[in-house]
């Protein structure tokens, strides 16, 4: 782990090579798992605000779940997560004819219909954040469904932290990211990575 400001960053972010390969995984991170995507408290209002924008692109089952419990719920550990359909699909998951699952919120953002990209946990995936009071742990969540992303990352020699530059800057700021780059450069110079 390396400390960058008030975060503890796993070395995996530097050493692992990673590039999402949607053509192989088909967006299963929006479907697989035992709970929805982690949501920060301030994101609940943003999810509710974007709801009218994406409503027509949601499935009827997703709409029913949202009517019953809202856009988020507390999972078995008490963490806030996006609501899910049939114990699997995020309510914002949009299955397309090409076999891939996309985020309805991200689609609306890319079409210029909202300023909210999607929950930061989704944007940062496969990185997960854990709050330990004074520090936030920034860890790589290894998952079998991302095997193709590891292969593509190796092929393109793309470190995970560089692949995730945009969401890391969104979460922690440009200064934080620049400091991470300086630390990585120094570690490479000293042949630590």
Protein backbone atom coordinates (compact mmCIF):
# COMPACT_ATOMS: atom_id res chain seq x y z
CA UNK A 1 0.00 0.00 0.00
CA UNK A 2 1.10 3.53 -0.65
CA UNK A 3 -0.32 6.61 1.01
CA UNK A 4 -1.60 9.41 -1.21
CA UNK A 5 -3.12 12.18 0.89
CA UNK A 6 -5.85 10.51 3.00
CA UNK A 7 -5.94 7.30 0.94
CA UNK A 8 -4.11 3.99 1.11
CA UNK A 9 -3.67 2.75 -2.44
CA UNK A 10 -3.10 -0.93 -3.16
CA UNK A 11 -0.01 -1.69 -5.24
CA UNK A 12 -2.31 -3.74 -7.48
CA UNK A 13 -3.49 -0.47 -9.05
CA UNK A 14 0.06 0.06 -10.27
CA UNK A 15 1.13 -3.50 -11.11
CA UNK A 16 -2.06 -4.93 -12.64
CA UNK A 17 -2.72 -4.28 -16.32
CA UNK A 18 -6.40 -3.74 -17.11
CA UNK A 19 -8.68 -2.51 -19.93
CA UNK A 20 -12.39 -3.30 -19.86
CA UNK A 21 -13.36 -5.60 -22.71
CA UNK A 22 -17.11 -5.17 -23.12
CA UNK A 23 -17.15 -7.45 -26.16
CA UNK A 24 -16.05 -10.33 -23.89
CA UNK A 25 -17.73 -9.65 -20.55
CA UNK A 26 -20.90 -8.07 -22.02
CA UNK A 27 -21.21 -5.72 -19.04
CA UNK A 28 -21.89 -8.46 -16.54
CA UNK A 29 -20.66 -6.27 -13.66
CA UNK A 30 -24.09 -4.59 -13.88
CA UNK A 31 -25.76 -7.97 -13.43
CA UNK A 32 -23.54 -10.35 -11.44
CA UNK A 33 -22.99 -10.22 -7.69
CA UNK A 34 -25.06 -10.53 -4.55
CA UNK A 35 -26.05 -6.85 -4.16
CA UNK A 36 -26.31 -3.64 -6.13
CA UNK A 37 -23.48 -1.19 -6.70
CA UNK A 38 -22.29 0.76 -3.64
CA UNK A 39 -23.81 4.24 -3.46
CA UNK A 40 -22.50 7.24 -1.54
CA UNK A 41 -25.05 9.15 0.55
CA UNK A 42 -24.87 12.25 -1.63
CA UNK A 43 -25.51 10.15 -4.75
CA UNK A 44 -29.04 9.16 -3.68
CA UNK A 45 -30.42 12.58 -4.62
CA UNK A 46 -28.55 12.43 -7.95
CA UNK A 47 -30.01 9.00 -8.71
CA UNK A 48 -33.51 10.26 -7.90
CA UNK A 49 -32.94 13.40 -9.99
CA UNK A 50 -31.85 11.39 -13.04
CA UNK A 51 -34.74 8.93 -12.72
CA UNK A 52 -37.21 10.86 -14.96
CA UNK A 53 -34.50 11.11 -17.63
CA UNK A 54 -33.88 7.35 -17.78
CA UNK A 55 -37.33 6.07 -16.74
CA UNK A 56 -38.50 5.03 -20.21
CA UNK A 57 -35.34 3.00 -20.83
CA UNK A 58 -35.78 0.91 -17.66
CA UNK A 59 -37.47 -2.48 -17.66
CA UNK A 60 -40.94 -2.85 -16.18
CA UNK A 61 -39.45 -5.06 -13.45
CA UNK A 62 -36.93 -2.34 -12.60
CA UNK A 63 -39.71 0.26 -12.43
CA UNK A 64 -41.68 -1.99 -10.06
CA UNK A 65 -38.65 -2.44 -7.78
CA UNK A 66 -38.06 1.32 -7.73
CA UNK A 67 -41.73 1.95 -6.91
CA UNK A 68 -41.50 -0.56 -4.03
CA UNK A 69 -38.14 0.32 -2.45
CA UNK A 70 -36.63 3.29 -4.25
CA UNK A 71 -33.37 3.57 -6.17
CA UNK A 72 -31.23 2.25 -3.28
CA UNK A 73 -31.50 -0.15 -0.36
CA UNK A 74 -29.28 -1.26 2.52
CA UNK A 75 -27.59 -4.59 1.78
CA UNK A 76 -26.87 -7.36 4.32
CA UNK A 77 -23.88 -5.37 5.69
CA UNK A 78 -25.95 -2.20 5.99
CA UNK A 79 -24.26 -0.49 3.03
CA UNK A 80 -26.30 1.57 0.60
CA UNK A 81 -26.43 -0.04 -2.85
CA UNK A 82 -28.45 0.40 -6.03
CA UNK A 83 -31.71 -1.52 -6.06
CA UNK A 84 -31.64 -4.76 -8.01
CA UNK A 85 -34.09 -6.86 -10.00
CA UNK A 86 -34.51 -10.59 -9.28
CA UNK A 87 -31.53 -10.50 -6.91
CA UNK A 88 -29.17 -9.69 -9.81
CA UNK A 89 -29.60 -6.86 -12.31
CA UNK A 90 -29.04 -3.28 -11.23
CA UNK A 91 -32.30 -1.39 -11.81
CA UNK A 92 -30.38 0.89 -14.18
CA UNK A 93 -29.03 -2.01 -16.27
CA UNK A 94 -30.12 -1.87 -19.89
CA UNK A 95 -29.86 -5.09 -21.91
CA UNK A 96 -29.31 -4.45 -25.60
CA UNK A 97 -29.79 -6.55 -28.73
CA UNK A 98 -26.00 -6.93 -29.11
CA UNK A 99 -25.99 -9.05 -25.92
CA UNK A 100 -24.31 -6.38 -23.82
CA UNK A 101 -25.62 -4.70 -20.71
CA UNK A 102 -25.19 -0.95 -20.47
CA UNK A 103 -25.93 1.61 -17.76
CA UNK A 104 -29.02 3.68 -18.58
CA UNK A 105 -27.58 6.58 -16.57
CA UNK A 106 -24.27 6.54 -18.43
CA UNK A 107 -26.15 6.38 -21.74
CA UNK A 108 -28.16 9.47 -20.75
CA UNK A 109 -24.97 11.25 -19.68
CA UNK A 110 -23.23 10.48 -22.97
CA UNK A 111 -26.30 11.75 -24.85
CA UNK A 112 -26.07 15.06 -22.94
CA UNK A 113 -29.34 14.48 -21.04
CA UNK A 114 -27.83 14.61 -17.53
CA UNK A 115 -24.71 15.85 -15.78
CA UNK A 116 -24.57 12.78 -13.49
CA UNK A 117 -22.31 10.12 -15.01
CA UNK A 118 -23.26 7.19 -12.75
CA UNK A 119 -22.40 6.16 -9.17
CA UNK A 120 -18.68 6.58 -8.53
CA UNK A 121 -18.40 2.91 -7.47
CA UNK A 122 -19.52 1.89 -10.98
CA UNK A 123 -17.20 4.38 -12.66
CA UNK A 124 -14.25 3.14 -10.57
CA UNK A 125 -14.92 -0.57 -11.01
CA UNK A 126 -12.94 -2.88 -10.58
CA UNK A 127 -11.60 -0.64 -7.83
CA UNK A 128 -13.52 -0.59 -4.56
CA UNK A 129 -13.21 1.99 -1.80
CA UNK A 130 -13.39 1.17 1.91
CA UNK A 131 -13.64 3.93 4.49
CA UNK A 132 -11.50 3.37 7.59
CA UNK A 133 -12.20 6.67 9.33
CA UNK A 134 -9.04 8.71 8.77
CA UNK A 135 -8.21 6.82 5.56
CA UNK A 136 -9.93 5.46 2.49
CA UNK A 137 -8.52 2.19 1.16
CA UNK A 138 -8.36 2.06 -2.65
CA UNK A 139 -8.26 -1.62 -3.63
CA UNK A 140 -8.49 -3.69 -6.79
CA UNK A 141 -11.39 -6.14 -6.59
CA UNK A 142 -10.23 -9.23 -8.50
CA UNK A 143 -13.12 -11.01 -10.14
CA UNK A 144 -13.22 -13.84 -12.69
CA UNK A 145 -15.58 -11.95 -15.01
CA UNK A 146 -12.76 -9.48 -15.72
CA UNK A 147 -10.27 -12.04 -17.09
CA UNK A 148 -10.59 -10.62 -20.61
CA UNK A 149 -9.86 -7.13 -19.24
CA UNK A 150 -6.62 -8.42 -17.74
CA UNK A 151 -5.60 -9.93 -21.07
CA UNK A 152 -6.46 -6.74 -22.96
CA UNK A 153 -4.60 -4.72 -20.32
CA UNK A 154 -1.51 -6.89 -20.76
CA UNK A 155 -1.73 -6.57 -24.54
CA UNK A 156 -1.96 -2.77 -24.36
CA UNK A 157 0.38 -2.45 -21.33
CA UNK A 158 -2.20 -0.31 -19.50
CA UNK A 159 -1.81 -0.10 -15.71
CA UNK A 160 -5.11 -0.18 -13.84
CA UNK A 161 -4.63 3.27 -12.29
CA UNK A 162 -4.11 4.82 -15.75
CA UNK A 163 -7.14 3.02 -17.19
CA UNK A 164 -9.16 4.49 -14.30
CA UNK A 165 -7.69 8.00 -14.47
CA UNK A 166 -11.01 9.72 -15.19
CA UNK A 167 -12.95 8.21 -12.25
CA UNK A 168 -9.95 8.51 -9.89
CA UNK A 169 -9.73 12.23 -10.72
CA UNK A 170 -13.52 12.52 -10.37
CA UNK A 171 -13.35 11.00 -6.88
CA UNK A 172 -10.08 12.34 -5.46
CA UNK A 173 -9.11 15.29 -7.69
CA UNK A 174 -6.36 16.05 -10.19
CA UNK A 175 -3.82 16.92 -7.47
CA UNK A 176 -4.31 13.49 -5.88
CA UNK A 177 -3.84 11.76 -9.25
CA UNK A 178 -0.74 13.82 -10.07
CA UNK A 179 0.74 12.80 -6.71
CA UNK A 180 0.01 9.15 -7.52
CA UNK A 181 1.82 9.53 -10.86
CA UNK A 182 4.86 11.04 -9.09
CA UNK A 183 4.97 8.20 -6.57
CA UNK A 184 4.70 5.60 -9.35
CA UNK A 185 7.49 7.30 -11.32
CA UNK A 186 9.72 7.26 -8.24
CA UNK A 187 8.90 3.62 -7.53
CA UNK A 188 9.80 2.70 -11.11
CA UNK A 189 13.04 4.67 -10.87
CA UNK A 190 13.93 2.69 -7.74
CA UNK A 191 12.77 -0.54 -9.45
CA UNK A 192 10.15 -1.14 -6.75
CA UNK A 193 7.49 -1.95 -9.38
